[in-house]
Amino acid sequence: PAMGLAQAGMIRRKNSLSMLMQVLFGMAIGSLLWAFLGFTLSFGPTHYGWIGDPFYFMFFRNVPVSECIPQLADSIPGSLFASFQMMFALMTPLIVTGSWTEKMT
């Protein structure tokens, strides 16, 4: 919500609602993609040192809620680490979305 309000404040009034909806849907779709595949490809056990196992953390299956994941963060709970990393995964495409607002016409 704060990202949408910040970007809506930098554009004309008639496009503000469109920007808020783009950010809202971007966060919803990005969160689902992160839970489904993004976290496991980024932080799962590696295949040949290049990409993570696509099934290990899928849907946060092996992500502990209150215990830490020692190989990733030894003092932060696994669910908090996954949520924190999701914030960065969501911000990048949303910033790009805001950068081309009102520039396509």
PDB file of N, CA and C in Angstrom:
ATOM      1  N   PRO A   1       0.807  -1.208   0.000  1.00  0.00           N
ATOM      2  CA  PRO A   1       0.000   0.000   0.000  1.00  0.00           C
ATOM      3  C   PRO A   1       0.844   1.265   0.000  1.00  0.00           C
ATOM      4  N   ALA A   2       1.905   1.301   0.782  1.00  0.00           N
ATOM      5  CA  ALA A   2       2.737   2.500   0.837  1.00  0.00           C
ATOM      6  C   ALA A   2       3.434   2.738  -0.491  1.00  0.00           C
ATOM      7  N   MET A   3       3.831   1.680  -1.142  1.00  0.00           N
ATOM      8  CA  MET A   3       4.472   1.813  -2.455  1.00  0.00           C
ATOM      9  C   MET A   3       3.488   2.405  -3.461  1.00  0.00           C
ATOM     10  N   GLY A   4       2.256   1.941  -3.449  1.00  0.00           N
ATOM     11  CA  GLY A   4       1.242   2.469  -4.356  1.00  0.00           C
ATOM     12  C   GLY A   4       0.927   3.924  -4.078  1.00  0.00           C
ATOM     13  N   LEU A   5       0.833   4.282  -2.804  1.00  0.00           N
ATOM     14  CA  LEU A   5       0.556   5.677  -2.464  1.00  0.00           C
ATOM     15  C   LEU A   5       1.719   6.585  -2.846  1.00  0.00           C
ATOM     16  N   ALA A   6       2.933   6.113  -2.672  1.00  0.00           N
ATOM     17  CA  ALA A   6       4.100   6.918  -3.046  1.00  0.00           C
ATOM     18  C   ALA A   6       4.125   7.144  -4.553  1.00  0.00           C
ATOM     19  N   GLN A   7       3.871   6.088  -5.313  1.00  0.00           N
ATOM     20  CA  GLN A   7       3.902   6.246  -6.760  1.00  0.00           C
ATOM     21  C   GLN A   7       2.683   7.017  -7.265  1.00  0.00           C
ATOM     22  N   ALA A   8       1.533   6.845  -6.632  1.00  0.00           N
ATOM     23  CA  ALA A   8       0.340   7.588  -7.047  1.00  0.00           C
ATOM     24  C   ALA A   8       0.489   9.073  -6.755  1.00  0.00           C
ATOM     25  N   GLY A   9       1.291   9.424  -5.777  1.00  0.00           N
ATOM     26  CA  GLY A   9       1.510  10.834  -5.465  1.00  0.00           C
ATOM     27  C   GLY A   9       2.394  11.542  -6.466  1.00  0.00           C
ATOM     28  N   MET A  10       3.085  10.784  -7.303  1.00  0.00           N
ATOM     29  CA  MET A  10       3.994  11.398  -8.281  1.00  0.00           C
ATOM     30  C   MET A  10       3.398  11.489  -9.682  1.00  0.00           C
ATOM     31  N   ILE A  11       2.143  11.074  -9.840  1.00  0.00           N
ATOM     32  CA  ILE A  11       1.527  11.113 -11.164  1.00  0.00           C
ATOM     33  C   ILE A  11       0.268  11.966 -11.115  1.00  0.00           C
ATOM     34  N   ARG A  12      -0.333  12.157 -12.287  1.00  0.00           N
ATOM     35  CA  ARG A  12      -1.549  12.956 -12.340  1.00  0.00           C
ATOM     36  C   ARG A  12      -2.704  12.253 -11.650  1.00  0.00           C
ATOM     37  N   ARG A  13      -3.662  13.042 -11.238  1.00  0.00           N
ATOM     38  CA  ARG A  13      -4.791  12.545 -10.444  1.00  0.00           C
ATOM     39  C   ARG A  13      -5.591  11.464 -11.178  1.00  0.00           C
ATOM     40  N   LYS A  14      -5.760  11.604 -12.481  1.00  0.00           N
ATOM     41  CA  LYS A  14      -6.591  10.661 -13.224  1.00  0.00           C
ATOM     42  C   LYS A  14      -5.961   9.269 -13.309  1.00  0.00           C
ATOM     43  N   ASN A  15      -4.675   9.146 -13.088  1.00  0.00           N
ATOM     44  CA  ASN A  15      -3.999   7.854 -13.177  1.00  0.00           C
ATOM     45  C   ASN A  15      -3.690   7.243 -11.810  1.00  0.00           C
ATOM     46  N   SER A  16      -4.075   7.892 -10.751  1.00  0.00           N
ATOM     47  CA  SER A  16      -3.720   7.419  -9.405  1.00  0.00           C
ATOM     48  C   SER A  16      -4.368   6.084  -9.063  1.00  0.00           C
ATOM     49  N   LEU A  17      -5.638   5.935  -9.373  1.00  0.00           N
ATOM     50  CA  LEU A  17      -6.321   4.680  -9.065  1.00  0.00           C
ATOM     51  C   LEU A  17      -5.722   3.527  -9.861  1.00  0.00           C
ATOM     52  N   SER A  18      -5.381   3.788 -11.101  1.00  0.00           N
ATOM     53  CA  SER A  18      -4.748   2.764 -11.929  1.00  0.00           C
ATOM     54  C   SER A  18      -3.416   2.322 -11.318  1.00  0.00           C
ATOM     55  N   MET A  19      -2.642   3.265 -10.824  1.00  0.00           N
ATOM     56  CA  MET A  19      -1.356   2.930 -10.214  1.00  0.00           C
ATOM     57  C   MET A  19      -1.554   2.120  -8.933  1.00  0.00           C
ATOM     58  N   LEU A  20      -2.522   2.500  -8.117  1.00  0.00           N
ATOM     59  CA  LEU A  20      -2.794   1.750  -6.893  1.00  0.00           C
ATOM     60  C   LEU A  20      -3.203   0.307  -7.208  1.00  0.00           C
ATOM     61  N   MET A  21      -4.023   0.126  -8.220  1.00  0.00           N
ATOM     62  CA  MET A  21      -4.448  -1.224  -8.590  1.00  0.00           C
ATOM     63  C   MET A  21      -3.296  -2.032  -9.166  1.00  0.00           C
ATOM     64  N   GLN A  22      -2.430  -1.408  -9.936  1.00  0.00           N
ATOM     65  CA  GLN A  22      -1.264  -2.121 -10.470  1.00  0.00           C
ATOM     66  C   GLN A  22      -0.361  -2.606  -9.347  1.00  0.00           C
ATOM     67  N   VAL A  23      -0.150  -1.772  -8.365  1.00  0.00           N
ATOM     68  CA  VAL A  23       0.697  -2.162  -7.242  1.00  0.00           C
ATOM     69  C   VAL A  23       0.024  -3.251  -6.417  1.00  0.00           C
ATOM     70  N   LEU A  24      -1.276  -3.137  -6.182  1.00  0.00           N
ATOM     71  CA  LEU A  24      -1.994  -4.145  -5.406  1.00  0.00           C
ATOM     72  C   LEU A  24      -1.948  -5.508  -6.093  1.00  0.00           C
ATOM     73  N   PHE A  25      -2.265  -5.549  -7.371  1.00  0.00           N
ATOM     74  CA  PHE A  25      -2.234  -6.817  -8.088  1.00  0.00           C
ATOM     75  C   PHE A  25      -0.812  -7.329  -8.257  1.00  0.00           C
ATOM     76  N   GLY A  26       0.134  -6.430  -8.433  1.00  0.00           N
ATOM     77  CA  GLY A  26       1.530  -6.851  -8.515  1.00  0.00           C
ATOM     78  C   GLY A  26       2.011  -7.505  -7.237  1.00  0.00           C
ATOM     79  N   MET A  27       1.596  -6.959  -6.104  1.00  0.00           N
ATOM     80  CA  MET A  27       1.974  -7.566  -4.825  1.00  0.00           C
ATOM     81  C   MET A  27       1.290  -8.916  -4.630  1.00  0.00           C
ATOM     82  N   ALA A  28       0.029  -9.023  -5.020  1.00  0.00           N
ATOM     83  CA  ALA A  28      -0.691 -10.295  -4.860  1.00  0.00           C
ATOM     84  C   ALA A  28      -0.083 -11.391  -5.736  1.00  0.00           C
ATOM     85  N   ILE A  29       0.130 -11.087  -6.997  1.00  0.00           N
ATOM     86  CA  ILE A  29       0.687 -12.082  -7.911  1.00  0.00           C
ATOM     87  C   ILE A  29       2.131 -12.402  -7.547  1.00  0.00           C
ATOM     88  N   GLY A  30       2.904 -11.378  -7.212  1.00  0.00           N
ATOM     89  CA  GLY A  30       4.299 -11.600  -6.830  1.00  0.00           C
ATOM     90  C   GLY A  30       4.436 -12.423  -5.560  1.00  0.00           C
ATOM     91  N   SER A  31       3.555 -12.211  -4.594  1.00  0.00           N
ATOM     92  CA  SER A  31       3.595 -12.992  -3.353  1.00  0.00           C
ATOM     93  C   SER A  31       3.293 -14.464  -3.617  1.00  0.00           C
ATOM     94  N   LEU A  32       2.318 -14.720  -4.474  1.00  0.00           N
ATOM     95  CA  LEU A  32       2.005 -16.107  -4.818  1.00  0.00           C
ATOM     96  C   LEU A  32       3.161 -16.771  -5.565  1.00  0.00           C
ATOM     97  N   LEU A  33       3.757 -16.048  -6.495  1.00  0.00           N
ATOM     98  CA  LEU A  33       4.896 -16.614  -7.228  1.00  0.00           C
ATOM     99  C   LEU A  33       6.092 -16.849  -6.316  1.00  0.00           C
ATOM    100  N   TRP A  34       6.300 -15.952  -5.353  1.00  0.00           N
ATOM    101  CA  TRP A  34       7.411 -16.121  -4.410  1.00  0.00           C
ATOM    102  C   TRP A  34       7.189 -17.353  -3.543  1.00  0.00           C
ATOM    103  N   ALA A  35       5.966 -17.537  -3.050  1.00  0.00           N
ATOM    104  CA  ALA A  35       5.672 -18.706  -2.216  1.00  0.00           C
ATOM    105  C   ALA A  35       5.717 -19.985  -3.034  1.00  0.00           C
ATOM    106  N   PHE A  36       5.272 -19.921  -4.269  1.00  0.00           N
ATOM    107  CA  PHE A  36       5.214 -21.110  -5.100  1.00  0.00           C
ATOM    108  C   PHE A  36       6.601 -21.551  -5.564  1.00  0.00           C
ATOM    109  N   LEU A  37       7.400 -20.633  -6.080  1.00  0.00           N
ATOM    110  CA  LEU A  37       8.643 -21.049  -6.711  1.00  0.00           C
ATOM    111  C   LEU A  37       9.841 -20.152  -6.419  1.00  0.00           C
ATOM    112  N   GLY A  38       9.626 -18.872  -6.152  1.00  0.00           N
ATOM    113  CA  GLY A  38      10.738 -17.932  -6.027  1.00  0.00           C
ATOM    114  C   GLY A  38      11.686 -18.234  -4.886  1.00  0.00           C
ATOM    115  N   PHE A  39      11.142 -18.506  -3.701  1.00  0.00           N
ATOM    116  CA  PHE A  39      12.006 -18.748  -2.536  1.00  0.00           C
ATOM    117  C   PHE A  39      12.816 -20.017  -2.705  1.00  0.00           C
ATOM    118  N   THR A  40      12.209 -21.049  -3.236  1.00  0.00           N
ATOM    119  CA  THR A  40      12.930 -22.311  -3.372  1.00  0.00           C
ATOM    120  C   THR A  40      14.003 -22.239  -4.460  1.00  0.00           C
ATOM    121  N   LEU A  41      13.749 -21.495  -5.530  1.00  0.00           N
ATOM    122  CA  LEU A  41      14.784 -21.343  -6.557  1.00  0.00           C
ATOM    123  C   LEU A  41      15.930 -20.475  -6.076  1.00  0.00           C
ATOM    124  N   SER A  42      15.631 -19.519  -5.207  1.00  0.00           N
ATOM    125  CA  SER A  42      16.671 -18.622  -4.705  1.00  0.00           C
ATOM    126  C   SER A  42      17.469 -19.219  -3.555  1.00  0.00           C
ATOM    127  N   PHE A  43      16.801 -19.908  -2.639  1.00  0.00           N
ATOM    128  CA  PHE A  43      17.454 -20.319  -1.404  1.00  0.00           C
ATOM    129  C   PHE A  43      17.410 -21.819  -1.125  1.00  0.00           C
ATOM    130  N   GLY A  44      16.860 -22.608  -2.019  1.00  0.00           N
ATOM    131  CA  GLY A  44      16.818 -24.051  -1.818  1.00  0.00           C
ATOM    132  C   GLY A  44      18.192 -24.681  -1.999  1.00  0.00           C
ATOM    133  N   PRO A  45      18.340 -25.954  -1.632  1.00  0.00           N
ATOM    134  CA  PRO A  45      19.602 -26.658  -1.868  1.00  0.00           C
ATOM    135  C   PRO A  45      19.939 -26.612  -3.363  1.00  0.00           C
ATOM    136  N   THR A  46      21.181 -26.330  -3.686  1.00  0.00           N
ATOM    137  CA  THR A  46      21.541 -26.054  -5.076  1.00  0.00           C
ATOM    138  C   THR A  46      21.703 -27.320  -5.908  1.00  0.00           C
ATOM    139  N   HIS A  47      21.401 -27.147  -7.174  1.00  0.00           N
ATOM    140  CA  HIS A  47      21.701 -28.161  -8.187  1.00  0.00           C
ATOM    141  C   HIS A  47      22.926 -27.674  -8.932  1.00  0.00           C
ATOM    142  N   TYR A  48      24.047 -28.317  -8.733  1.00  0.00           N
ATOM    143  CA  TYR A  48      25.309 -27.972  -9.391  1.00  0.00           C
ATOM    144  C   TYR A  48      25.753 -26.543  -9.078  1.00  0.00           C
ATOM    145  N   GLY A  49      25.339 -26.007  -7.950  1.00  0.00           N
ATOM    146  CA  GLY A  49      25.768 -24.685  -7.516  1.00  0.00           C
ATOM    147  C   GLY A  49      25.169 -23.531  -8.285  1.00  0.00           C
ATOM    148  N   TRP A  50      24.126 -23.773  -9.079  1.00  0.00           N
ATOM    149  CA  TRP A  50      23.604 -22.692  -9.908  1.00  0.00           C
ATOM    150  C   TRP A  50      22.212 -22.251  -9.521  1.00  0.00           C
ATOM    151  N   ILE A  51      21.302 -23.176  -9.263  1.00  0.00           N
ATOM    152  CA  ILE A  51      19.922 -22.828  -8.966  1.00  0.00           C
ATOM    153  C   ILE A  51      19.402 -23.760  -7.877  1.00  0.00           C
ATOM    154  N   GLY A  52      18.435 -23.291  -7.120  1.00  0.00           N
ATOM    155  CA  GLY A  52      17.898 -24.081  -6.017  1.00  0.00           C
ATOM    156  C   GLY A  52      16.967 -25.196  -6.461  1.00  0.00           C
ATOM    157  N   ASP A  53      16.806 -26.165  -5.597  1.00  0.00           N
ATOM    158  CA  ASP A  53      15.900 -27.286  -5.850  1.00  0.00           C
ATOM    159  C   ASP A  53      14.469 -26.752  -5.927  1.00  0.00           C
ATOM    160  N   PRO A  54      13.778 -26.948  -7.057  1.00  0.00           N
ATOM    161  CA  PRO A  54      12.452 -26.347  -7.201  1.00  0.00           C
ATOM    162  C   PRO A  54      11.365 -26.974  -6.343  1.00  0.00           C
ATOM    163  N   PHE A  55      11.649 -28.040  -5.627  1.00  0.00           N
ATOM    164  CA  PHE A  55      10.612 -28.690  -4.833  1.00  0.00           C
ATOM    165  C   PHE A  55      10.867 -28.636  -3.330  1.00  0.00           C
ATOM    166  N   TYR A  56      12.043 -28.213  -2.895  1.00  0.00           N
ATOM    167  CA  TYR A  56      12.398 -28.299  -1.477  1.00  0.00           C
ATOM    168  C   TYR A  56      11.590 -27.326  -0.609  1.00  0.00           C
ATOM    169  N   PHE A  57      11.543 -26.053  -0.990  1.00  0.00           N
ATOM    170  CA  PHE A  57      10.802 -25.045  -0.225  1.00  0.00           C
ATOM    171  C   PHE A  57       9.490 -24.649  -0.907  1.00  0.00           C
ATOM    172  N   MET A  58       9.011 -25.403  -1.889  1.00  0.00           N
ATOM    173  CA  MET A  58       7.804 -25.025  -2.628  1.00  0.00           C
ATOM    174  C   MET A  58       6.614 -24.883  -1.673  1.00  0.00           C
ATOM    175  N   PHE A  59       5.888 -23.786  -1.802  1.00  0.00           N
ATOM    176  CA  PHE A  59       4.769 -23.425  -0.913  1.00  0.00           C
ATOM    177  C   PHE A  59       5.218 -23.341   0.546  1.00  0.00           C
ATOM    178  N   PHE A  60       6.470 -23.000   0.780  1.00  0.00           N
ATOM    179  CA  PHE A  60       7.067 -22.872   2.119  1.00  0.00           C
ATOM    180  C   PHE A  60       6.946 -24.171   2.921  1.00  0.00           C
ATOM    181  N   ARG A  61       7.044 -25.288   2.229  1.00  0.00           N
ATOM    182  CA  ARG A  61       6.837 -26.586   2.862  1.00  0.00           C
ATOM    183  C   ARG A  61       7.864 -26.887   3.948  1.00  0.00           C
ATOM    184  N   ASN A  62       9.136 -26.679   3.717  1.00  0.00           N
ATOM    185  CA  ASN A  62      10.177 -26.983   4.701  1.00  0.00           C
ATOM    186  C   ASN A  62      10.709 -25.736   5.396  1.00  0.00           C
ATOM    187  N   VAL A  63       9.977 -24.644   5.326  1.00  0.00           N
ATOM    188  CA  VAL A  63      10.395 -23.409   5.993  1.00  0.00           C
ATOM    189  C   VAL A  63       9.846 -23.422   7.414  1.00  0.00           C
ATOM    190  N   PRO A  64      10.721 -23.447   8.420  1.00  0.00           N
ATOM    191  CA  PRO A  64      10.221 -23.464   9.799  1.00  0.00           C
ATOM    192  C   PRO A  64       9.620 -22.119  10.198  1.00  0.00           C
ATOM    193  N   VAL A  65       8.595 -22.170  11.025  1.00  0.00           N
ATOM    194  CA  VAL A  65       7.914 -20.944  11.438  1.00  0.00           C
ATOM    195  C   VAL A  65       8.688 -20.237  12.545  1.00  0.00           C
ATOM    196  N   SER A  66       9.152 -20.963  13.540  1.00  0.00           N
ATOM    197  CA  SER A  66       9.821 -20.318  14.670  1.00  0.00           C
ATOM    198  C   SER A  66      11.301 -20.669  14.783  1.00  0.00           C
ATOM    199  N   GLU A  67      11.767 -21.692  14.091  1.00  0.00           N
ATOM    200  CA  GLU A  67      13.191 -22.023  14.128  1.00  0.00           C
ATOM    201  C   GLU A  67      13.889 -21.380  12.944  1.00  0.00           C
ATOM    202  N   CYS A  68      15.200 -21.253  13.056  1.00  0.00           N
ATOM    203  CA  CYS A  68      15.968 -20.645  11.981  1.00  0.00           C
ATOM    204  C   CYS A  68      16.403 -21.714  10.979  1.00  0.00           C
ATOM    205  N   ILE A  69      16.818 -21.248   9.812  1.00  0.00           N
ATOM    206  CA  ILE A  69      17.423 -22.113   8.800  1.00  0.00           C
ATOM    207  C   ILE A  69      18.921 -21.847   8.887  1.00  0.00           C
ATOM    208  N   PRO A  70      19.698 -22.726   9.502  1.00  0.00           N
ATOM    209  CA  PRO A  70      21.098 -22.416   9.826  1.00  0.00           C
ATOM    210  C   PRO A  70      21.951 -22.050   8.617  1.00  0.00           C
ATOM    211  N   GLN A  71      21.709 -22.663   7.465  1.00  0.00           N
ATOM    212  CA  GLN A  71      22.553 -22.355   6.308  1.00  0.00           C
ATOM    213  C   GLN A  71      22.204 -21.012   5.663  1.00  0.00           C
ATOM    214  N   LEU A  72      21.066 -20.430   6.018  1.00  0.00           N
ATOM    215  CA  LEU A  72      20.678 -19.136   5.453  1.00  0.00           C
ATOM    216  C   LEU A  72      20.830 -17.998   6.453  1.00  0.00           C
ATOM    217  N   ALA A  73      20.228 -18.132   7.617  1.00  0.00           N
ATOM    218  CA  ALA A  73      20.303 -17.108   8.662  1.00  0.00           C
ATOM    219  C   ALA A  73      20.229 -17.835   9.996  1.00  0.00           C
ATOM    220  N   ASP A  74      21.278 -17.734  10.783  1.00  0.00           N
ATOM    221  CA  ASP A  74      21.350 -18.549  11.995  1.00  0.00           C
ATOM    222  C   ASP A  74      20.648 -17.961  13.203  1.00  0.00           C
ATOM    223  N   SER A  75      20.088 -16.767  13.112  1.00  0.00           N
ATOM    224  CA  SER A  75      19.393 -16.193  14.259  1.00  0.00           C
ATOM    225  C   SER A  75      18.011 -15.629  13.916  1.00  0.00           C
ATOM    226  N   ILE A  76      17.564 -15.782  12.684  1.00  0.00           N
ATOM    227  CA  ILE A  76      16.277 -15.248  12.245  1.00  0.00           C
ATOM    228  C   ILE A  76      15.360 -16.422  11.918  1.00  0.00           C
ATOM    229  N   PRO A  77      14.114 -16.434  12.388  1.00  0.00           N
ATOM    230  CA  PRO A  77      13.190 -17.522  12.030  1.00  0.00           C
ATOM    231  C   PRO A  77      13.017 -17.639  10.511  1.00  0.00           C
ATOM    232  N   GLY A  78      12.822 -18.849  10.038  1.00  0.00           N
ATOM    233  CA  GLY A  78      12.735 -19.105   8.606  1.00  0.00           C
ATOM    234  C   GLY A  78      11.612 -18.354   7.920  1.00  0.00           C
ATOM    235  N   SER A  79      10.446 -18.270   8.550  1.00  0.00           N
ATOM    236  CA  SER A  79       9.322 -17.570   7.929  1.00  0.00           C
ATOM    237  C   SER A  79       9.588 -16.064   7.839  1.00  0.00           C
ATOM    238  N   LEU A  80      10.249 -15.504   8.837  1.00  0.00           N
ATOM    239  CA  LEU A  80      10.593 -14.081   8.796  1.00  0.00           C
ATOM    240  C   LEU A  80      11.629 -13.806   7.708  1.00  0.00           C
ATOM    241  N   PHE A  81      12.607 -14.694   7.565  1.00  0.00           N
ATOM    242  CA  PHE A  81      13.616 -14.546   6.522  1.00  0.00           C
ATOM    243  C   PHE A  81      12.966 -14.603   5.138  1.00  0.00           C
ATOM    244  N   ALA A  82      12.049 -15.560   4.934  1.00  0.00           N
ATOM    245  CA  ALA A  82      11.368 -15.686   3.641  1.00  0.00           C
ATOM    246  C   ALA A  82      10.523 -14.452   3.342  1.00  0.00           C
ATOM    247  N   SER A  83       9.840 -13.916   4.339  1.00  0.00           N
ATOM    248  CA  SER A  83       9.015 -12.719   4.144  1.00  0.00           C
ATOM    249  C   SER A  83       9.866 -11.491   3.854  1.00  0.00           C
ATOM    250  N   PHE A  84      10.992 -11.371   4.528  1.00  0.00           N
ATOM    251  CA  PHE A  84      11.890 -10.241   4.305  1.00  0.00           C
ATOM    252  C   PHE A  84      12.458 -10.271   2.892  1.00  0.00           C
ATOM    253  N   GLN A  85      12.856 -11.444   2.433  1.00  0.00           N
ATOM    254  CA  GLN A  85      13.387 -11.560   1.077  1.00  0.00           C
ATOM    255  C   GLN A  85      12.287 -11.343   0.032  1.00  0.00           C
ATOM    256  N   MET A  86      11.053 -11.712   0.363  1.00  0.00           N
ATOM    257  CA  MET A  86       9.937 -11.493  -0.552  1.00  0.00           C
ATOM    258  C   MET A  86       9.710  -9.996  -0.774  1.00  0.00           C
ATOM    259  N   MET A  87       9.948  -9.191   0.256  1.00  0.00           N
ATOM    260  CA  MET A  87       9.774  -7.757   0.110  1.00  0.00           C
ATOM    261  C   MET A  87      10.673  -7.224  -1.010  1.00  0.00           C
ATOM    262  N   PHE A  88      11.918  -7.679  -1.063  1.00  0.00           N
ATOM    263  CA  PHE A  88      12.835  -7.222  -2.111  1.00  0.00           C
ATOM    264  C   PHE A  88      12.441  -7.776  -3.470  1.00  0.00           C
ATOM    265  N   ALA A  89      11.960  -9.011  -3.496  1.00  0.00           N
ATOM    266  CA  ALA A  89      11.520  -9.596  -4.763  1.00  0.00           C
ATOM    267  C   ALA A  89      10.303  -8.865  -5.320  1.00  0.00           C
ATOM    268  N   LEU A  90       9.459  -8.318  -4.461  1.00  0.00           N
ATOM    269  CA  LEU A  90       8.277  -7.586  -4.914  1.00  0.00           C
ATOM    270  C   LEU A  90       8.590  -6.148  -5.314  1.00  0.00           C
ATOM    271  N   MET A  91       9.508  -5.511  -4.655  1.00  0.00           N
ATOM    272  CA  MET A  91       9.763  -4.098  -4.900  1.00  0.00           C
ATOM    273  C   MET A  91      10.338  -3.843  -6.288  1.00  0.00           C
ATOM    274  N   THR A  92      11.184  -4.721  -6.777  1.00  0.00           N
ATOM    275  CA  THR A  92      11.830  -4.482  -8.066  1.00  0.00           C
ATOM    276  C   THR A  92      10.824  -4.347  -9.211  1.00  0.00           C
ATOM    277  N   PRO A  93       9.925  -5.317  -9.429  1.00  0.00           N
ATOM    278  CA  PRO A  93       8.975  -5.114 -10.530  1.00  0.00           C
ATOM    279  C   PRO A  93       7.985  -3.979 -10.276  1.00  0.00           C
ATOM    280  N   LEU A  94       7.672  -3.694  -9.013  1.00  0.00           N
ATOM    281  CA  LEU A  94       6.737  -2.603  -8.746  1.00  0.00           C
ATOM    282  C   LEU A  94       7.371  -1.238  -9.012  1.00  0.00           C
ATOM    283  N   ILE A  95       8.654  -1.105  -8.757  1.00  0.00           N
ATOM    284  CA  ILE A  95       9.344   0.147  -9.087  1.00  0.00           C
ATOM    285  C   ILE A  95       9.393   0.333 -10.595  1.00  0.00           C
ATOM    286  N   VAL A  96       9.642  -0.741 -11.323  1.00  0.00           N
ATOM    287  CA  VAL A  96       9.654  -0.665 -12.788  1.00  0.00           C
ATOM    288  C   VAL A  96       8.268  -0.297 -13.308  1.00  0.00           C
ATOM    289  N   THR A  97       7.229  -0.866 -12.724  1.00  0.00           N
ATOM    290  CA  THR A  97       5.863  -0.536 -13.131  1.00  0.00           C
ATOM    291  C   THR A  97       5.594   0.954 -12.932  1.00  0.00           C
ATOM    292  N   GLY A  98       6.019   1.501 -11.815  1.00  0.00           N
ATOM    293  CA  GLY A  98       5.808   2.912 -11.551  1.00  0.00           C
ATOM    294  C   GLY A  98       6.640   3.813 -12.447  1.00  0.00           C
ATOM    295  N   SER A  99       7.768   3.314 -12.931  1.00  0.00           N
ATOM    296  CA  SER A  99       8.634   4.166 -13.741  1.00  0.00           C
ATOM    297  C   SER A  99       8.069   4.416 -15.136  1.00  0.00           C
ATOM    298  N   TRP A 100       7.243   3.510 -15.650  1.00  0.00           N
ATOM    299  CA  TRP A 100       6.696   3.756 -16.976  1.00  0.00           C
ATOM    300  C   TRP A 100       5.277   4.311 -16.950  1.00  0.00           C
ATOM    301  N   THR A 101       4.770   4.657 -15.791  1.00  0.00           N
ATOM    302  CA  THR A 101       3.461   5.281 -15.693  1.00  0.00           C
ATOM    303  C   THR A 101       3.487   6.636 -16.382  1.00  0.00           C
ATOM    304  N   GLU A 102       2.511   6.885 -17.166  1.00  0.00           N
ATOM    305  CA  GLU A 102       2.333   8.138 -17.921  1.00  0.00           C
ATOM    306  C   GLU A 102       3.434   8.366 -18.957  1.00  0.00           C
ATOM    307  N   LYS A 103       4.207   7.366 -19.280  1.00  0.00           N
ATOM    308  CA  LYS A 103       5.265   7.544 -20.262  1.00  0.00           C
ATOM    309  C   LYS A 103       4.976   6.765 -21.539  1.00  0.00           C
ATOM    310  N   MET A 104       3.876   6.015 -21.559  1.00  0.00           N
ATOM    311  CA  MET A 104       3.568   5.186 -22.718  1.00  0.00           C
ATOM    312  C   MET A 104       2.750   5.939 -23.796  1.00  0.00           C
ATOM    313  N   THR A 105       2.289   7.131 -23.505  1.00  0.00           N
ATOM    314  CA  THR A 105       1.487   7.856 -24.488  1.00  0.00           C
ATOM    315  C   THR A 105       2.251   8.963 -25.140  1.00  0.00           C
TER     316      THR A 105
END
